[in-house]
């Protein structure tokens, strides 16, 4: 075979080797690119898994009313976030560390499952406590309503007893008399005013000494008094009185008569007399003094 033929064969072989090398290079590059793309996808999926786990921890923190468990959840979430940040900055070709992070993710998920069981248990207990609290609250409200009703009934009965025990002045008469003890026909003749009344029978009232206050008032509602120091306590204030009498009350009807010596000017008109005892107004009437 001639030298020319050998040269041709060599060129052809060289060309074939070159073509084969180029094909092999591109084939290998394609395989490497596919591997890199697979690593990138695997890394992204792992990042998503870590992010999902972090979100789950965040959600469970707000569904738990237990400080100790919340503290544990925060610690685990911070660990997840540290690994998540490491994964974010890591090269996708670091297959060994990615494999380690996969295993770590499974461990963290197992821990999360334990926490979920604890959270569910706590939530069930809390729900039971809420139901029990609601029952107790309902019972307490019912008892409170009953107590309030009984208290009102007691107050009503107490008021009835108080009213029943109260003294009553009946048959109140006022007689103006002259100096001879005769009924005065004119106001200028009046030397004395006689006030008479009966304290009614009351078997529920307490017996013993009772102070009766009699108050005479002019047509202009001004009290007729000997001294402004003569007062008694009535409805939260000191009230001036005209006369007072101490009686011994035994529950039976008791007649009372008081005498007022006229030493002041009296004008004609309608006057009033009121009787008080034990802080209560027990009777009243009006009388007319004519000119």
C-alpha atoms as a PDB file:
ATOM      1  CA  UNK A   1       0.000   0.000   0.000  1.00  0.00           C
ATOM      2  CA  UNK A   2       1.340   3.362  -0.944  1.00  0.00           C
ATOM      3  CA  UNK A   3       2.309   6.099   1.380  1.00  0.00           C
ATOM      4  CA  UNK A   4      -0.553   8.164   0.101  1.00  0.00           C
ATOM      5  CA  UNK A   5      -3.051   5.498   1.135  1.00  0.00           C
ATOM      6  CA  UNK A   6      -1.588   5.234   4.615  1.00  0.00           C
ATOM      7  CA  UNK A   7      -1.835   8.958   5.059  1.00  0.00           C
ATOM      8  CA  UNK A   8      -5.462   8.932   3.994  1.00  0.00           C
ATOM      9  CA  UNK A   9      -6.272   6.137   6.398  1.00  0.00           C
ATOM     10  CA  UNK A  10      -4.528   8.010   9.203  1.00  0.00           C
ATOM     11  CA  UNK A  11      -6.482  11.173   8.491  1.00  0.00           C
ATOM     12  CA  UNK A  12      -9.752   9.277   8.456  1.00  0.00           C
ATOM     13  CA  UNK A  13      -8.968   7.536  11.738  1.00  0.00           C
ATOM     14  CA  UNK A  14      -7.911  10.838  13.281  1.00  0.00           C
ATOM     15  CA  UNK A  15     -11.118  12.471  12.134  1.00  0.00           C
ATOM     16  CA  UNK A  16     -13.202   9.623  13.511  1.00  0.00           C
ATOM     17  CA  UNK A  17     -11.368   9.798  16.835  1.00  0.00           C
ATOM     18  CA  UNK A  18     -11.906  13.556  16.929  1.00  0.00           C
ATOM     19  CA  UNK A  19     -15.610  13.211  16.161  1.00  0.00           C
ATOM     20  CA  UNK A  20     -15.912  10.475  18.758  1.00  0.00           C
ATOM     21  CA  UNK A  21     -14.121  12.638  21.340  1.00  0.00           C
ATOM     22  CA  UNK A  22     -16.388  15.618  20.667  1.00  0.00           C
ATOM     23  CA  UNK A  23     -19.468  13.403  20.917  1.00  0.00           C
ATOM     24  CA  UNK A  24     -18.207  11.882  24.166  1.00  0.00           C
ATOM     25  CA  UNK A  25     -17.445  15.353  25.613  1.00  0.00           C
ATOM     26  CA  UNK A  26     -20.915  16.684  24.837  1.00  0.00           C
ATOM     27  CA  UNK A  27     -22.512  13.491  26.104  1.00  0.00           C
ATOM     28  CA  UNK A  28     -20.628  13.753  29.394  1.00  0.00           C
ATOM     29  CA  UNK A  29     -21.460  17.448  29.707  1.00  0.00           C
ATOM     30  CA  UNK A  30     -25.096  16.686  29.156  1.00  0.00           C
ATOM     31  CA  UNK A  31     -24.987  14.039  31.878  1.00  0.00           C
ATOM     32  CA  UNK A  32     -23.199  16.442  34.254  1.00  0.00           C
ATOM     33  CA  UNK A  33     -25.729  19.194  33.519  1.00  0.00           C
ATOM     34  CA  UNK A  34     -28.528  16.748  34.213  1.00  0.00           C
ATOM     35  CA  UNK A  35     -26.895  15.787  37.525  1.00  0.00           C
ATOM     36  CA  UNK A  36     -26.418  19.448  38.500  1.00  0.00           C
ATOM     37  CA  UNK A  37     -30.018  20.205  37.609  1.00  0.00           C
ATOM     38  CA  UNK A  38     -31.096  17.219  39.701  1.00  0.00           C
ATOM     39  CA  UNK A  39     -29.003  18.482  42.623  1.00  0.00           C
ATOM     40  CA  UNK A  40     -30.548  21.941  42.307  1.00  0.00           C
ATOM     41  CA  UNK A  41     -34.074  20.517  42.224  1.00  0.00           C
ATOM     42  CA  UNK A  42     -33.350  18.281  45.208  1.00  0.00           C
ATOM     43  CA  UNK A  43     -31.948  21.247  47.117  1.00  0.00           C
ATOM     44  CA  UNK A  44     -35.014  23.405  46.308  1.00  0.00           C
ATOM     45  CA  UNK A  45     -37.368  20.634  47.419  1.00  0.00           C
ATOM     46  CA  UNK A  46     -35.407  20.265  50.651  1.00  0.00           C
ATOM     47  CA  UNK A  47     -35.572  24.045  51.212  1.00  0.00           C
ATOM     48  CA  UNK A  48     -39.355  23.893  50.725  1.00  0.00           C
ATOM     49  CA  UNK A  49     -39.604  21.051  53.248  1.00  0.00           C
ATOM     50  CA  UNK A  50     -37.631  23.045  55.849  1.00  0.00           C
ATOM     51  CA  UNK A  51     -39.736  26.154  55.172  1.00  0.00           C
ATOM     52  CA  UNK A  52     -42.960  24.159  55.574  1.00  0.00           C
ATOM     53  CA  UNK A  53     -41.694  22.724  58.858  1.00  0.00           C
ATOM     54  CA  UNK A  54     -40.812  26.211  60.124  1.00  0.00           C
ATOM     55  CA  UNK A  55     -44.318  27.458  59.235  1.00  0.00           C
ATOM     56  CA  UNK A  56     -45.847  24.514  61.108  1.00  0.00           C
ATOM     57  CA  UNK A  57     -43.865  25.407  64.223  1.00  0.00           C
ATOM     58  CA  UNK A  58     -45.010  29.028  63.890  1.00  0.00           C
ATOM     59  CA  UNK A  59     -48.637  27.953  63.657  1.00  0.00           C
ATOM     60  CA  UNK A  60     -48.514  25.602  66.624  1.00  0.00           C
ATOM     61  CA  UNK A  61     -46.985  28.324  68.828  1.00  0.00           C
ATOM     62  CA  UNK A  62     -50.274  30.235  68.632  1.00  0.00           C
ATOM     63  CA  UNK A  63     -52.451  27.181  69.319  1.00  0.00           C
ATOM     64  CA  UNK A  64     -50.850  26.337  72.657  1.00  0.00           C
ATOM     65  CA  UNK A  65     -51.541  27.948  76.025  1.00  0.00           C
ATOM     66  CA  UNK A  66     -48.547  26.455  77.792  1.00  0.00           C
ATOM     67  CA  UNK A  67     -45.383  28.528  78.297  1.00  0.00           C
ATOM     68  CA  UNK A  68     -43.052  25.537  78.671  1.00  0.00           C
ATOM     69  CA  UNK A  69     -44.257  23.885  75.473  1.00  0.00           C
ATOM     70  CA  UNK A  70     -44.155  27.190  73.584  1.00  0.00           C
ATOM     71  CA  UNK A  71     -40.513  27.632  74.661  1.00  0.00           C
ATOM     72  CA  UNK A  72     -39.657  24.171  73.278  1.00  0.00           C
ATOM     73  CA  UNK A  73     -41.439  24.936  70.008  1.00  0.00           C
ATOM     74  CA  UNK A  74     -39.507  28.216  69.660  1.00  0.00           C
ATOM     75  CA  UNK A  75     -36.191  26.389  70.241  1.00  0.00           C
ATOM     76  CA  UNK A  76     -36.973  23.769  67.609  1.00  0.00           C
ATOM     77  CA  UNK A  77     -38.155  26.401  65.133  1.00  0.00           C
ATOM     78  CA  UNK A  78     -34.919  28.355  65.571  1.00  0.00           C
ATOM     79  CA  UNK A  79     -32.955  25.156  64.861  1.00  0.00           C
ATOM     80  CA  UNK A  80     -35.017  24.585  61.697  1.00  0.00           C
ATOM     81  CA  UNK A  81     -34.374  28.181  60.584  1.00  0.00           C
ATOM     82  CA  UNK A  82     -30.596  27.828  61.130  1.00  0.00           C
ATOM     83  CA  UNK A  83     -30.483  24.673  58.994  1.00  0.00           C
ATOM     84  CA  UNK A  84     -32.734  26.378  56.462  1.00  0.00           C
ATOM     85  CA  UNK A  85     -30.295  29.292  56.184  1.00  0.00           C
ATOM     86  CA  UNK A  86     -27.352  26.893  55.859  1.00  0.00           C
ATOM     87  CA  UNK A  87     -29.166  25.051  53.079  1.00  0.00           C
ATOM     88  CA  UNK A  88     -29.948  28.314  51.297  1.00  0.00           C
ATOM     89  CA  UNK A  89     -26.271  29.360  51.118  1.00  0.00           C
ATOM     90  CA  UNK A  90     -24.928  25.871  50.344  1.00  0.00           C
ATOM     91  CA  UNK A  91     -23.860  24.725  46.889  1.00  0.00           C
ATOM     92  CA  UNK A  92     -26.236  22.234  45.359  1.00  0.00           C
ATOM     93  CA  UNK A  93     -23.313  19.948  44.538  1.00  0.00           C
ATOM     94  CA  UNK A  94     -22.555  19.338  48.218  1.00  0.00           C
ATOM     95  CA  UNK A  95     -24.328  16.018  48.086  1.00  0.00           C
ATOM     96  CA  UNK A  96     -22.939  14.708  51.380  1.00  0.00           C
ATOM     97  CA  UNK A  97     -24.253  17.661  53.430  1.00  0.00           C
ATOM     98  CA  UNK A  98     -27.581  17.640  51.614  1.00  0.00           C
ATOM     99  CA  UNK A  99     -27.959  13.964  52.515  1.00  0.00           C
ATOM    100  CA  UNK A 100     -27.174  14.826  56.142  1.00  0.00           C
ATOM    101  CA  UNK A 101     -29.776  17.607  56.080  1.00  0.00           C
ATOM    102  CA  UNK A 102     -32.352  15.172  54.719  1.00  0.00           C
ATOM    103  CA  UNK A 103     -31.763  12.876  57.661  1.00  0.00           C
ATOM    104  CA  UNK A 104     -31.884  15.854  60.021  1.00  0.00           C
ATOM    105  CA  UNK A 105     -35.209  16.854  58.491  1.00  0.00           C
ATOM    106  CA  UNK A 106     -36.691  13.438  59.275  1.00  0.00           C
ATOM    107  CA  UNK A 107     -35.494  13.749  62.878  1.00  0.00           C
ATOM    108  CA  UNK A 108     -37.069  17.195  63.161  1.00  0.00           C
ATOM    109  CA  UNK A 109     -40.328  15.913  61.703  1.00  0.00           C
ATOM    110  CA  UNK A 110     -40.372  13.096  64.261  1.00  0.00           C
ATOM    111  CA  UNK A 111     -39.878  15.667  67.038  1.00  0.00           C
ATOM    112  CA  UNK A 112     -42.687  17.732  65.550  1.00  0.00           C
ATOM    113  CA  UNK A 113     -45.000  14.698  65.605  1.00  0.00           C
ATOM    114  CA  UNK A 114     -44.267  14.243  69.328  1.00  0.00           C
ATOM    115  CA  UNK A 115     -45.112  17.907  69.925  1.00  0.00           C
ATOM    116  CA  UNK A 116     -48.328  17.561  67.923  1.00  0.00           C
ATOM    117  CA  UNK A 117     -49.376  14.664  70.160  1.00  0.00           C
ATOM    118  CA  UNK A 118     -48.638  16.769  73.256  1.00  0.00           C
ATOM    119  CA  UNK A 119     -50.514  19.747  71.803  1.00  0.00           C
ATOM    120  CA  UNK A 120     -53.556  17.627  70.961  1.00  0.00           C
ATOM    121  CA  UNK A 121     -53.514  16.169  74.465  1.00  0.00           C
ATOM    122  CA  UNK A 122     -53.281  19.639  76.029  1.00  0.00           C
ATOM    123  CA  UNK A 123     -56.032  20.959  73.793  1.00  0.00           C
ATOM    124  CA  UNK A 124     -58.312  18.086  74.807  1.00  0.00           C
ATOM    125  CA  UNK A 125     -57.541  18.734  78.465  1.00  0.00           C
ATOM    126  CA  UNK A 126     -58.129  22.456  78.015  1.00  0.00           C
ATOM    127  CA  UNK A 127     -61.413  21.788  76.248  1.00  0.00           C
ATOM    128  CA  UNK A 128     -62.475  19.535  79.108  1.00  0.00           C
ATOM    129  CA  UNK A 129     -61.473  22.236  81.595  1.00  0.00           C
ATOM    130  CA  UNK A 130     -63.404  24.834  79.585  1.00  0.00           C
ATOM    131  CA  UNK A 131     -66.506  22.636  79.642  1.00  0.00           C
ATOM    132  CA  UNK A 132     -66.113  22.047  83.377  1.00  0.00           C
ATOM    133  CA  UNK A 133     -65.571  25.773  83.921  1.00  0.00           C
ATOM    134  CA  UNK A 134     -68.711  26.528  81.905  1.00  0.00           C
ATOM    135  CA  UNK A 135     -70.692  24.076  84.031  1.00  0.00           C
ATOM    136  CA  UNK A 136     -69.313  25.623  87.225  1.00  0.00           C
ATOM    137  CA  UNK A 137     -69.980  29.136  85.891  1.00  0.00           C
ATOM    138  CA  UNK A 138     -73.550  28.202  84.992  1.00  0.00           C
ATOM    139  CA  UNK A 139     -74.083  26.665  88.416  1.00  0.00           C
ATOM    140  CA  UNK A 140     -72.537  29.714  90.090  1.00  0.00           C
ATOM    141  CA  UNK A 141     -74.770  32.058  88.099  1.00  0.00           C
ATOM    142  CA  UNK A 142     -77.814  29.982  89.041  1.00  0.00           C
ATOM    143  CA  UNK A 143     -76.801  30.036  92.710  1.00  0.00           C
ATOM    144  CA  UNK A 144     -76.122  33.785  92.468  1.00  0.00           C
ATOM    145  CA  UNK A 145     -79.551  34.402  90.975  1.00  0.00           C
ATOM    146  CA  UNK A 146     -81.122  32.260  93.676  1.00  0.00           C
ATOM    147  CA  UNK A 147     -79.120  34.092  96.363  1.00  0.00           C
ATOM    148  CA  UNK A 148     -80.138  37.455  94.914  1.00  0.00           C
ATOM    149  CA  UNK A 149     -83.769  36.335  94.867  1.00  0.00           C
ATOM    150  CA  UNK A 150     -83.545  35.156  98.462  1.00  0.00           C
ATOM    151  CA  UNK A 151     -81.804  38.389  99.434  1.00  0.00           C
ATOM    152  CA  UNK A 152     -84.548  40.462  97.834  1.00  0.00           C
ATOM    153  CA  UNK A 153     -87.186  38.306  99.493  1.00  0.00           C
ATOM    154  CA  UNK A 154     -85.418  38.734 102.820  1.00  0.00           C
ATOM    155  CA  UNK A 155     -85.255  42.494 102.303  1.00  0.00           C
ATOM    156  CA  UNK A 156     -88.941  42.551 101.355  1.00  0.00           C
ATOM    157  CA  UNK A 157     -89.862  40.541 104.438  1.00  0.00           C
ATOM    158  CA  UNK A 158     -87.576  42.702 106.549  1.00  0.00           C
ATOM    159  CA  UNK A 159     -89.335  45.815 105.243  1.00  0.00           C
ATOM    160  CA  UNK A 160     -92.683  44.234 105.975  1.00  0.00           C
ATOM    161  CA  UNK A 161     -91.547  43.406 109.497  1.00  0.00           C
ATOM    162  CA  UNK A 162     -90.194  46.935 109.911  1.00  0.00           C
ATOM    163  CA  UNK A 163     -93.442  48.414 108.671  1.00  0.00           C
ATOM    164  CA  UNK A 164     -95.398  46.078 110.913  1.00  0.00           C
ATOM    165  CA  UNK A 165     -93.312  47.141 113.925  1.00  0.00           C
ATOM    166  CA  UNK A 166     -93.733  50.844 113.185  1.00  0.00           C
ATOM    167  CA  UNK A 167     -95.854  52.879 115.606  1.00  0.00           C
ATOM    168  CA  UNK A 168     -98.907  54.725 114.267  1.00  0.00           C
ATOM    169  CA  UNK A 169    -100.462  57.888 115.651  1.00  0.00           C
ATOM    170  CA  UNK A 170    -104.237  58.095 115.092  1.00  0.00           C
ATOM    171  CA  UNK A 171    -107.057  60.432 116.099  1.00  0.00           C
ATOM    172  CA  UNK A 172    -104.835  63.477 116.049  1.00  0.00           C
ATOM    173  CA  UNK A 173    -106.656  66.586 117.315  1.00  0.00           C
ATOM    174  CA  UNK A 174    -105.417  70.105 117.861  1.00  0.00           C
ATOM    175  CA  UNK A 175    -107.348  72.425 120.196  1.00  0.00           C
ATOM    176  CA  UNK A 176    -106.493  76.104 120.709  1.00  0.00           C
ATOM    177  CA  UNK A 177    -107.598  77.331 124.186  1.00  0.00           C
ATOM    178  CA  UNK A 178    -107.694  80.654 125.970  1.00  0.00           C
ATOM    179  CA  UNK A 179    -106.384  81.555 129.367  1.00  0.00           C
ATOM    180  CA  UNK A 180    -109.398  79.926 131.083  1.00  0.00           C
ATOM    181  CA  UNK A 181    -108.884  76.606 129.293  1.00  0.00           C
ATOM    182  CA  UNK A 182    -111.834  77.209 126.980  1.00  0.00           C
ATOM    183  CA  UNK A 183    -111.719  76.771 123.199  1.00  0.00           C
ATOM    184  CA  UNK A 184    -110.380  79.980 121.662  1.00  0.00           C
ATOM    185  CA  UNK A 185    -112.625  81.283 118.913  1.00  0.00           C
ATOM    186  CA  UNK A 186    -110.056  83.767 117.612  1.00  0.00           C
ATOM    187  CA  UNK A 187    -106.314  83.497 117.177  1.00  0.00           C
ATOM    188  CA  UNK A 188    -105.664  86.525 119.389  1.00  0.00           C
ATOM    189  CA  UNK A 189    -107.336  84.662 122.279  1.00  0.00           C
ATOM    190  CA  UNK A 190    -105.162  81.551 121.930  1.00  0.00           C
ATOM    191  CA  UNK A 191    -102.931  81.068 124.969  1.00  0.00           C
ATOM    192  CA  UNK A 192    -102.228  77.386 124.535  1.00  0.00           C
ATOM    193  CA  UNK A 193    -102.414  74.693 121.840  1.00  0.00           C
ATOM    194  CA  UNK A 194    -103.351  71.202 123.001  1.00  0.00           C
ATOM    195  CA  UNK A 195    -102.277  68.272 120.787  1.00  0.00           C
ATOM    196  CA  UNK A 196    -103.852  64.877 121.495  1.00  0.00           C
ATOM    197  CA  UNK A 197    -103.548  61.529 119.710  1.00  0.00           C
ATOM    198  CA  UNK A 198    -103.413  57.785 120.309  1.00  0.00           C
ATOM    199  CA  UNK A 199    -100.472  55.494 119.631  1.00  0.00           C
ATOM    200  CA  UNK A 200    -102.242  52.479 118.148  1.00  0.00           C
ATOM    201  CA  UNK A 201    -102.068  48.947 119.487  1.00  0.00           C
ATOM    202  CA  UNK A 202     -99.269  46.951 117.856  1.00  0.00           C
ATOM    203  CA  UNK A 203     -98.320  43.522 119.177  1.00  0.00           C
ATOM    204  CA  UNK A 204     -95.337  43.279 116.791  1.00  0.00           C
ATOM    205  CA  UNK A 205     -93.711  46.516 117.957  1.00  0.00           C
ATOM    206  CA  UNK A 206     -91.019  46.472 120.603  1.00  0.00           C
ATOM    207  CA  UNK A 207     -92.183  47.606 124.006  1.00  0.00           C
ATOM    208  CA  UNK A 208     -90.528  49.979 126.415  1.00  0.00           C
ATOM    209  CA  UNK A 209     -89.745  53.664 126.522  1.00  0.00           C
ATOM    210  CA  UNK A 210     -90.487  55.624 123.342  1.00  0.00           C
ATOM    211  CA  UNK A 211     -89.700  59.271 122.617  1.00  0.00           C
ATOM    212  CA  UNK A 212     -92.399  61.016 120.590  1.00  0.00           C
ATOM    213  CA  UNK A 213     -91.601  64.260 118.761  1.00  0.00           C
ATOM    214  CA  UNK A 214     -94.365  66.694 117.796  1.00  0.00           C
ATOM    215  CA  UNK A 215     -93.682  69.342 115.170  1.00  0.00           C
ATOM    216  CA  UNK A 216     -95.971  72.348 114.647  1.00  0.00           C
ATOM    217  CA  UNK A 217     -95.532  74.343 111.445  1.00  0.00           C
ATOM    218  CA  UNK A 218     -96.945  77.683 110.345  1.00  0.00           C
ATOM    219  CA  UNK A 219     -98.848  78.242 107.086  1.00  0.00           C
ATOM    220  CA  UNK A 220     -95.469  79.102 105.480  1.00  0.00           C
ATOM    221  CA  UNK A 221     -94.051  75.699 106.629  1.00  0.00           C
ATOM    222  CA  UNK A 222     -91.813  77.305 109.247  1.00  0.00           C
ATOM    223  CA  UNK A 223     -91.470  75.203 112.398  1.00  0.00           C
ATOM    224  CA  UNK A 224     -92.729  76.688 115.662  1.00  0.00           C
ATOM    225  CA  UNK A 225     -89.975  76.051 118.216  1.00  0.00           C
ATOM    226  CA  UNK A 226     -88.738  77.381 121.527  1.00  0.00           C
ATOM    227  CA  UNK A 227     -85.098  76.733 120.645  1.00  0.00           C
ATOM    228  CA  UNK A 228     -83.293  75.885 117.407  1.00  0.00           C
ATOM    229  CA  UNK A 229     -81.271  73.406 119.456  1.00  0.00           C
ATOM    230  CA  UNK A 230     -84.354  71.217 119.816  1.00  0.00           C
ATOM    231  CA  UNK A 231     -83.852  68.796 116.932  1.00  0.00           C
ATOM    232  CA  UNK A 232     -84.167  65.068 116.173  1.00  0.00           C
ATOM    233  CA  UNK A 233     -82.623  62.964 113.416  1.00  0.00           C
ATOM    234  CA  UNK A 234     -84.926  62.171 110.503  1.00  0.00           C
ATOM    235  CA  UNK A 235     -84.084  60.976 106.969  1.00  0.00           C
ATOM    236  CA  UNK A 236     -80.439  61.879 107.239  1.00  0.00           C
ATOM    237  CA  UNK A 237     -80.723  65.334 108.763  1.00  0.00           C
ATOM    238  CA  UNK A 238     -81.518  67.181 111.985  1.00  0.00           C
ATOM    239  CA  UNK A 239     -85.127  68.372 112.069  1.00  0.00           C
ATOM    240  CA  UNK A 240     -86.417  70.945 114.613  1.00  0.00           C
ATOM    241  CA  UNK A 241     -89.327  69.864 116.798  1.00  0.00           C
ATOM    242  CA  UNK A 242     -91.843  71.800 118.899  1.00  0.00           C
ATOM    243  CA  UNK A 243     -92.508  69.307 121.738  1.00  0.00           C
ATOM    244  CA  UNK A 244     -91.453  65.831 122.785  1.00  0.00           C
ATOM    245  CA  UNK A 245     -92.826  63.251 125.216  1.00  0.00           C
ATOM    246  CA  UNK A 246     -91.342  60.096 126.714  1.00  0.00           C
ATOM    247  CA  UNK A 247     -93.932  57.322 127.063  1.00  0.00           C
ATOM    248  CA  UNK A 248     -93.888  53.741 128.282  1.00  0.00           C
ATOM    249  CA  UNK A 249     -95.332  51.663 125.466  1.00  0.00           C
ATOM    250  CA  UNK A 250     -96.536  48.115 126.199  1.00  0.00           C
ATOM    251  CA  UNK A 251     -98.035  47.312 122.789  1.00  0.00           C
ATOM    252  CA  UNK A 252    -101.494  48.476 123.726  1.00  0.00           C
ATOM    253  CA  UNK A 253    -103.202  51.677 122.539  1.00  0.00           C
ATOM    254  CA  UNK A 254    -101.726  54.597 124.436  1.00  0.00           C
ATOM    255  CA  UNK A 255    -103.229  58.088 124.686  1.00  0.00           C
ATOM    256  CA  UNK A 256    -100.869  61.049 124.548  1.00  0.00           C
ATOM    257  CA  UNK A 257    -101.532  64.759 125.161  1.00  0.00           C
ATOM    258  CA  UNK A 258     -99.023  67.596 124.813  1.00  0.00           C
ATOM    259  CA  UNK A 259     -99.417  71.328 125.586  1.00  0.00           C
ATOM    260  CA  UNK A 260     -97.840  74.193 123.724  1.00  0.00           C
ATOM    261  CA  UNK A 261     -97.799  77.592 125.465  1.00  0.00           C
ATOM    262  CA  UNK A 262     -98.218  80.310 122.868  1.00  0.00           C
ATOM    263  CA  UNK A 263     -95.514  82.929 123.394  1.00  0.00           C
ATOM    264  CA  UNK A 264     -95.013  83.983 119.773  1.00  0.00           C
ATOM    265  CA  UNK A 265     -97.097  85.787 117.199  1.00  0.00           C
ATOM    266  CA  UNK A 266     -99.437  83.516 115.279  1.00  0.00           C
ATOM    267  CA  UNK A 267    -100.979  84.590 112.012  1.00  0.00           C
ATOM    268  CA  UNK A 268    -104.288  83.168 110.787  1.00  0.00           C
ATOM    269  CA  UNK A 269    -104.167  80.288 108.350  1.00  0.00           C
ATOM    270  CA  UNK A 270    -103.773  76.545 108.034  1.00  0.00           C
ATOM    271  CA  UNK A 271    -101.211  74.999 110.381  1.00  0.00           C
ATOM    272  CA  UNK A 272     -99.840  71.477 110.447  1.00  0.00           C
ATOM    273  CA  UNK A 273     -98.946  69.003 113.186  1.00  0.00           C
ATOM    274  CA  UNK A 274     -96.721  65.959 112.614  1.00  0.00           C
ATOM    275  CA  UNK A 275     -95.747  63.174 115.008  1.00  0.00           C
ATOM    276  CA  UNK A 276     -92.455  61.223 114.795  1.00  0.00           C
ATOM    277  CA  UNK A 277     -91.077  58.237 116.683  1.00  0.00           C
ATOM    278  CA  UNK A 278     -87.992  56.018 116.246  1.00  0.00           C
ATOM    279  CA  UNK A 279     -86.956  57.853 113.082  1.00  0.00           C
ATOM    280  CA  UNK A 280     -90.361  57.429 111.420  1.00  0.00           C
ATOM    281  CA  UNK A 281     -93.208  59.793 110.613  1.00  0.00           C
ATOM    282  CA  UNK A 282     -96.110  58.085 112.382  1.00  0.00           C
ATOM    283  CA  UNK A 283     -98.939  60.538 111.773  1.00  0.00           C
ATOM    284  CA  UNK A 284     -99.980  64.062 110.834  1.00  0.00           C
ATOM    285  CA  UNK A 285    -102.904  66.425 110.488  1.00  0.00           C
ATOM    286  CA  UNK A 286    -103.778  70.060 109.764  1.00  0.00           C
ATOM    287  CA  UNK A 287    -105.697  72.643 111.798  1.00  0.00           C
ATOM    288  CA  UNK A 288    -106.915  76.160 111.097  1.00  0.00           C
ATOM    289  CA  UNK A 289    -106.479  79.211 113.256  1.00  0.00           C
ATOM    290  CA  UNK A 290    -108.844  81.991 112.304  1.00  0.00           C
ATOM    291  CA  UNK A 291    -108.450  85.705 112.921  1.00  0.00           C
END
